[in-house]
C-alpha atoms as a PDB file:
ATOM      1  CA  MET A   1     101.600 108.438  86.161  1.00  0.00           C
ATOM      2  CA  LEU A   2     105.067 107.753  87.472  1.00  0.00           C
ATOM      3  CA  PRO A   3     106.016 104.691  89.527  1.00  0.00           C
ATOM      4  CA  SER A   4     106.619 106.924  92.550  1.00  0.00           C
ATOM      5  CA  GLN A   5     103.108 108.350  92.213  1.00  0.00           C
ATOM      6  CA  CYS A   6     101.699 104.836  92.201  1.00  0.00           C
ATOM      7  CA  ARG A   7     103.533 104.028  95.428  1.00  0.00           C
ATOM      8  CA  MET A   8     102.380 107.317  96.997  1.00  0.00           C
ATOM      9  CA  ALA A   9      98.787 106.686  95.952  1.00  0.00           C
ATOM     10  CA  ARG A  10      98.795 103.170  97.393  1.00  0.00           C
ATOM     11  CA  ALA A  11     100.197 104.498 100.659  1.00  0.00           C
ATOM     12  CA  ALA A  12      97.593 107.279 100.859  1.00  0.00           C
ATOM     13  CA  LEU A  13      94.800 104.769 100.295  1.00  0.00           C
ATOM     14  CA  GLU A  14      96.438 102.181 102.551  1.00  0.00           C
ATOM     15  CA  LEU A  15      96.296  99.608  99.740  1.00  0.00           C
ATOM     16  CA  GLY A  16      98.549  96.633  99.331  1.00  0.00           C
ATOM     17  CA  VAL A  17      99.864  95.448  95.980  1.00  0.00           C
ATOM     18  CA  ARG A  18      97.301  92.648  95.875  1.00  0.00           C
ATOM     19  CA  GLU A  19      94.405  95.019  96.517  1.00  0.00           C
ATOM     20  CA  LEU A  20      95.475  97.436  93.797  1.00  0.00           C
ATOM     21  CA  ALA A  21      96.095  94.592  91.369  1.00  0.00           C
ATOM     22  CA  ALA A  22      92.552  93.319  91.929  1.00  0.00           C
ATOM     23  CA  MET A  23      91.090  96.810  91.498  1.00  0.00           C
ATOM     24  CA  ALA A  24      93.016  97.381  88.245  1.00  0.00           C
ATOM     25  CA  ARG A  25      92.465  93.815  87.015  1.00  0.00           C
ATOM     26  CA  VAL A  26      96.184  93.169  86.562  1.00  0.00           C
ATOM     27  CA  SER A  27      98.573  90.772  88.261  1.00  0.00           C
ATOM     28  CA  THR A  28     100.429  91.613  91.452  1.00  0.00           C
ATOM     29  CA  ASN A  29     103.636  91.128  89.472  1.00  0.00           C
ATOM     30  CA  THR A  30     102.524  93.884  87.087  1.00  0.00           C
ATOM     31  CA  ILE A  31     102.097  96.367  89.959  1.00  0.00           C
ATOM     32  CA  THR A  32     105.465  95.375  91.425  1.00  0.00           C
ATOM     33  CA  ARG A  33     107.218  95.698  88.066  1.00  0.00           C
ATOM     34  CA  PHE A  34     105.699  99.123  87.449  1.00  0.00           C
ATOM     35  CA  GLU A  35     106.627 100.416  90.898  1.00  0.00           C
ATOM     36  CA  ARG A  36     110.215  99.244  90.324  1.00  0.00           C
ATOM     37  CA  GLY A  37     110.306 101.370  87.182  1.00  0.00           C
ATOM     38  CA  GLU A  38     110.027  98.634  84.553  1.00  0.00           C
ATOM     39  CA  ALA A  39     108.268  99.525  81.302  1.00  0.00           C
ATOM     40  CA  LEU A  40     104.623  98.544  80.889  1.00  0.00           C
ATOM     41  CA  LYS A  41     102.149  99.095  78.081  1.00  0.00           C
ATOM     42  CA  ASP A  42     100.442 102.492  78.248  1.00  0.00           C
ATOM     43  CA  ARG A  43      97.058 100.756  78.433  1.00  0.00           C
ATOM     44  CA  THR A  44      98.131  98.871  81.556  1.00  0.00           C
ATOM     45  CA  ILE A  45      99.352 102.046  83.250  1.00  0.00           C
ATOM     46  CA  ASP A  46      96.058 103.707  82.334  1.00  0.00           C
ATOM     47  CA  ASP A  47      94.148 100.835  83.989  1.00  0.00           C
ATOM     48  CA  ILE A  48      96.179 101.183  87.187  1.00  0.00           C
ATOM     49  CA  ARG A  49      95.739 104.951  87.215  1.00  0.00           C
ATOM     50  CA  ALA A  50      91.987 104.658  86.608  1.00  0.00           C
ATOM     51  CA  ALA A  51      91.649 102.252  89.544  1.00  0.00           C
ATOM     52  CA  LEU A  52      93.509 104.641  91.835  1.00  0.00           C
ATOM     53  CA  GLU A  53      91.455 107.619  90.653  1.00  0.00           C
ATOM     54  CA  ALA A  54      88.221 105.680  91.212  1.00  0.00           C
ATOM     55  CA  ALA A  55      89.414 105.004  94.765  1.00  0.00           C
ATOM     56  CA  GLY A  56      89.833 108.736  95.416  1.00  0.00           C
ATOM     57  CA  VAL A  57      93.310 109.754  94.263  1.00  0.00           C
ATOM     58  CA  VAL A  58      94.056 112.930  92.296  1.00  0.00           C
ATOM     59  CA  PHE A  59      97.351 112.953  90.414  1.00  0.00           C
ATOM     60  CA  ILE A  60      99.348 116.175  90.485  1.00  0.00           C
ATOM     61  CA  GLU A  61     101.563 116.851  87.481  1.00  0.00           C
ATOM     62  CA  ALA A  62     105.035 118.300  87.813  1.00  0.00           C
ATOM     63  CA  ASN A  63     104.327 122.027  88.087  1.00  0.00           C
ATOM     64  CA  GLY A  64     107.514 123.344  89.560  1.00  0.00           C
ATOM     65  CA  GLY A  65     107.122 121.341  92.758  1.00  0.00           C
ATOM     66  CA  GLY A  66     107.397 117.863  91.287  1.00  0.00           C
ATOM     67  CA  PRO A  67     104.724 115.279  90.581  1.00  0.00           C
ATOM     68  CA  GLY A  68     102.623 113.943  93.428  1.00  0.00           C
ATOM     69  CA  VAL A  69      99.213 112.730  94.561  1.00  0.00           C
ATOM     70  CA  ARG A  70      96.482 113.833  96.918  1.00  0.00           C
ATOM     71  CA  LEU A  71      93.157 112.446  98.054  1.00  0.00           C
ATOM     72  CA  LYS A  72      89.902 113.898  96.740  1.00  0.00           C
ATOM     73  CA  GLU A  73      87.731 115.909  99.091  1.00  0.00           C
ATOM     74  CA  PRO A  74      84.947 113.757 100.519  1.00  0.00           C
ATOM     75  CA  ALA A  75      81.685 114.363  98.654  1.00  0.00           C
END
């Protein structure tokens, strides 16, 4: 997950930094640092990504059109 994908995912879910931090069990500073492009441990990025995926985000890898996100279809 790239920092830009994190920002896109938060916007799609209408989540603030505090909400995502609580969901991922990290500090708000950690989310802010990641979204600014600062290096984090892979495990921390995985926790943030897992929280976003659990909330309904699907991450799209760079496949010629660039990386992105979308929301899952409602069940």
